[in-house]
Amino acid sequence: MPLPHHLCSKLQNAFRARHHQVSFDHTTQNLGILSVLLRNGFLISLTRGTTQSSDPIAFHSTPEAQRRIWATLKYRDDRPVLNEMELISMPSKRIFMTMNEIRAIVSGRRAQFIRPLRMGEIAIIKTKDKENEWLEAREALRLNTPGEVLCRAR
């Protein structure tokens, strides 16, 4: 299973190289993180496809290993909307936060060793709730759902 740092670095490098689209392995984790980025305006669209193209019809007839998620990157005034993605929780040290700690980073205070979120910045949280497994920190706060803080994007 690919780790979140692979997605973060690949997406950040694609923005820096001014790519229009980039593909990722079709996993639940990648789909969850990318959908949070899409909901928060960092991406234009997400499409399922194959290793060659973003063709949703061909997606169903290809083998599992060749299925991909294609993300269309968003630029404003020829500058990338996503400037930086930083991994917070790592395989060697996973960071779980309670509701009070999530409230602290959202409202501008430090929690554990994590800096508070700045204007236009989001934190992606993986929860144990299967219905809302991948959330942005403010959504997790609104739904009163603690979890693991995977990464932050600005």
Protein backbone atom coordinates (compact mmCIF):
# COMPACT_ATOMS: atom_id res chain seq x y z
CA MET A 1 0.00 0.00 0.00
CA PRO A 2 1.45 3.39 -0.95
CA LEU A 3 2.17 5.78 1.87
CA PRO A 4 0.72 9.31 2.05
CA HIS A 5 4.16 10.88 1.61
CA HIS A 6 4.27 9.47 -1.92
CA LEU A 7 1.03 11.26 -2.81
CA CYS A 8 2.18 14.51 -1.15
CA SER A 9 5.51 14.64 -2.94
CA LYS A 10 4.12 13.56 -6.32
CA LEU A 11 1.35 16.16 -6.19
CA GLN A 12 3.69 18.92 -5.04
CA ASN A 13 6.21 18.06 -7.79
CA ALA A 14 3.46 18.01 -10.44
CA PHE A 15 2.37 21.51 -9.44
CA ARG A 16 5.95 22.76 -9.53
CA ALA A 17 6.47 21.25 -12.98
CA ARG A 18 3.22 22.92 -14.18
CA HIS A 19 1.54 19.67 -15.22
CA HIS A 20 -2.12 19.79 -16.17
CA GLN A 21 -2.98 16.29 -14.91
CA VAL A 22 -1.26 13.71 -12.74
CA SER A 23 -2.18 10.09 -12.00
CA PHE A 24 -2.09 8.21 -8.70
CA ASP A 25 -2.62 4.56 -7.78
CA HIS A 26 -6.27 3.76 -7.24
CA THR A 27 -6.43 3.21 -3.47
CA THR A 28 -8.94 4.26 -0.84
CA GLN A 29 -6.31 6.40 0.86
CA ASN A 30 -5.35 8.29 -2.31
CA LEU A 31 -8.99 8.78 -3.25
CA GLY A 32 -9.78 10.08 0.26
CA ILE A 33 -6.92 12.58 0.39
CA LEU A 34 -7.53 13.80 -3.16
CA SER A 35 -11.27 14.21 -2.53
CA VAL A 36 -10.51 16.42 0.51
CA LEU A 37 -8.18 18.52 -1.67
CA LEU A 38 -10.92 18.72 -4.34
CA ARG A 39 -13.57 19.83 -1.82
CA ASN A 40 -11.25 22.55 -0.54
CA GLY A 41 -10.45 24.00 -3.96
CA PHE A 42 -6.90 22.76 -4.55
CA LEU A 43 -7.89 20.59 -7.55
CA ILE A 44 -10.28 21.10 -10.47
CA SER A 45 -11.49 17.52 -10.84
CA LEU A 46 -10.84 13.84 -10.14
CA THR A 47 -11.39 11.12 -12.74
CA ARG A 48 -10.86 7.39 -12.68
CA GLY A 49 -8.87 5.95 -15.53
CA THR A 50 -6.03 3.70 -16.65
CA THR A 51 -2.27 4.13 -16.75
CA GLN A 52 -2.55 5.71 -20.21
CA SER A 53 -5.47 8.12 -19.87
CA SER A 54 -8.27 9.42 -17.67
CA ASP A 55 -10.98 7.29 -19.28
CA PRO A 56 -13.70 6.31 -16.77
CA ILE A 57 -15.22 3.77 -19.17
CA ALA A 58 -11.94 1.89 -19.64
CA PHE A 59 -11.40 1.95 -15.86
CA HIS A 60 -13.88 -0.88 -15.24
CA SER A 61 -12.39 -3.20 -17.85
CA THR A 62 -8.74 -2.86 -16.81
CA PRO A 63 -6.98 -5.00 -14.21
CA GLU A 64 -6.71 -3.67 -10.67
CA ALA A 65 -2.97 -2.94 -10.96
CA GLN A 66 -3.51 -0.59 -13.92
CA ARG A 67 -6.32 1.47 -12.40
CA ARG A 68 -5.48 5.09 -11.63
CA ILE A 69 -7.01 8.26 -10.23
CA TRP A 70 -6.35 11.28 -12.45
CA ALA A 71 -6.29 14.68 -10.75
CA THR A 72 -6.65 17.86 -12.80
CA LEU A 73 -4.49 20.50 -11.16
CA LYS A 74 -5.69 24.04 -10.50
CA TYR A 75 -3.76 27.21 -11.32
CA ARG A 76 -4.67 30.83 -10.72
CA ASP A 77 -2.90 33.59 -12.68
CA ASP A 78 -0.44 30.95 -13.95
CA ARG A 79 0.57 30.13 -10.35
CA PRO A 80 -0.24 26.82 -8.63
CA VAL A 81 -3.03 26.91 -6.07
CA LEU A 82 -1.25 24.28 -3.96
CA ASN A 83 2.09 25.64 -2.78
CA GLU A 84 3.14 23.02 -0.26
CA MET A 85 2.03 19.70 1.17
CA GLU A 86 3.68 18.61 4.39
CA LEU A 87 3.37 15.17 5.94
CA ILE A 88 2.56 15.28 9.67
CA SER A 89 1.87 11.67 10.63
CA MET A 90 4.61 9.28 9.53
CA PRO A 91 4.77 5.50 9.65
CA SER A 92 7.38 5.71 12.40
CA LYS A 93 5.40 8.25 14.42
CA ARG A 94 1.67 8.45 13.90
CA ILE A 95 -0.05 11.57 15.27
CA PHE A 96 -3.54 11.11 16.72
CA MET A 97 -5.43 14.13 18.02
CA THR A 98 -8.36 14.55 20.35
CA MET A 99 -11.12 17.06 19.66
CA ASN A 100 -9.48 19.65 21.94
CA GLU A 101 -6.19 19.36 20.03
CA ILE A 102 -7.94 19.67 16.65
CA ARG A 103 -9.82 22.70 17.97
CA ALA A 104 -6.50 24.20 19.05
CA ILE A 105 -4.76 23.93 15.66
CA VAL A 106 -7.85 25.21 13.84
CA SER A 107 -8.23 28.21 16.14
CA GLY A 108 -4.59 29.28 15.96
CA ARG A 109 -2.92 27.49 18.86
CA ARG A 110 -0.23 24.84 18.89
CA ALA A 111 -1.17 21.24 19.76
CA GLN A 112 1.45 18.61 20.53
CA PHE A 113 4.27 19.73 18.22
CA ILE A 114 2.01 20.79 15.32
CA ARG A 115 1.89 24.44 14.32
CA PRO A 116 -1.55 26.04 14.01
CA LEU A 117 -3.24 26.25 10.62
CA ARG A 118 -2.71 29.51 8.80
CA MET A 119 -5.09 31.32 6.47
CA GLY A 120 -5.87 29.15 3.45
CA GLU A 121 -4.24 26.07 4.96
CA ILE A 122 -5.96 22.75 5.64
CA ALA A 123 -5.11 19.62 7.62
CA ILE A 124 -6.31 16.23 6.38
CA ILE A 125 -7.53 13.85 9.08
CA LYS A 126 -8.26 10.13 8.86
CA THR A 127 -10.99 9.09 11.27
CA LYS A 128 -12.30 5.72 12.39
CA ASP A 129 -15.79 6.59 11.13
CA LYS A 130 -16.23 4.65 7.87
CA GLU A 131 -18.84 7.08 6.54
CA ASN A 132 -16.59 10.11 7.04
CA GLU A 133 -13.16 8.49 6.95
CA TRP A 134 -11.25 11.35 5.28
CA LEU A 135 -11.99 14.87 6.54
CA GLU A 136 -10.48 18.31 6.68
CA ALA A 137 -9.74 19.49 10.25
CA ARG A 138 -12.65 21.96 10.30
CA GLU A 139 -15.06 19.27 9.06
CA ALA A 140 -13.80 16.86 11.75
CA LEU A 141 -14.34 19.58 14.34
CA ARG A 142 -17.89 20.22 13.10
CA LEU A 143 -18.68 16.47 13.11
CA ASN A 144 -16.96 16.01 16.50
CA THR A 145 -14.72 13.24 15.12
CA PRO A 146 -11.11 12.87 16.32
CA GLY A 147 -8.49 11.03 14.30
CA GLU A 148 -5.01 10.80 12.81
CA VAL A 149 -3.65 14.01 11.26
CA LEU A 150 -1.97 12.87 8.05
CA CYS A 151 -0.83 16.01 6.27
CA ARG A 152 -1.38 19.71 5.75
CA ALA A 153 -1.71 21.66 2.51
CA ARG A 154 -1.50 25.31 1.64
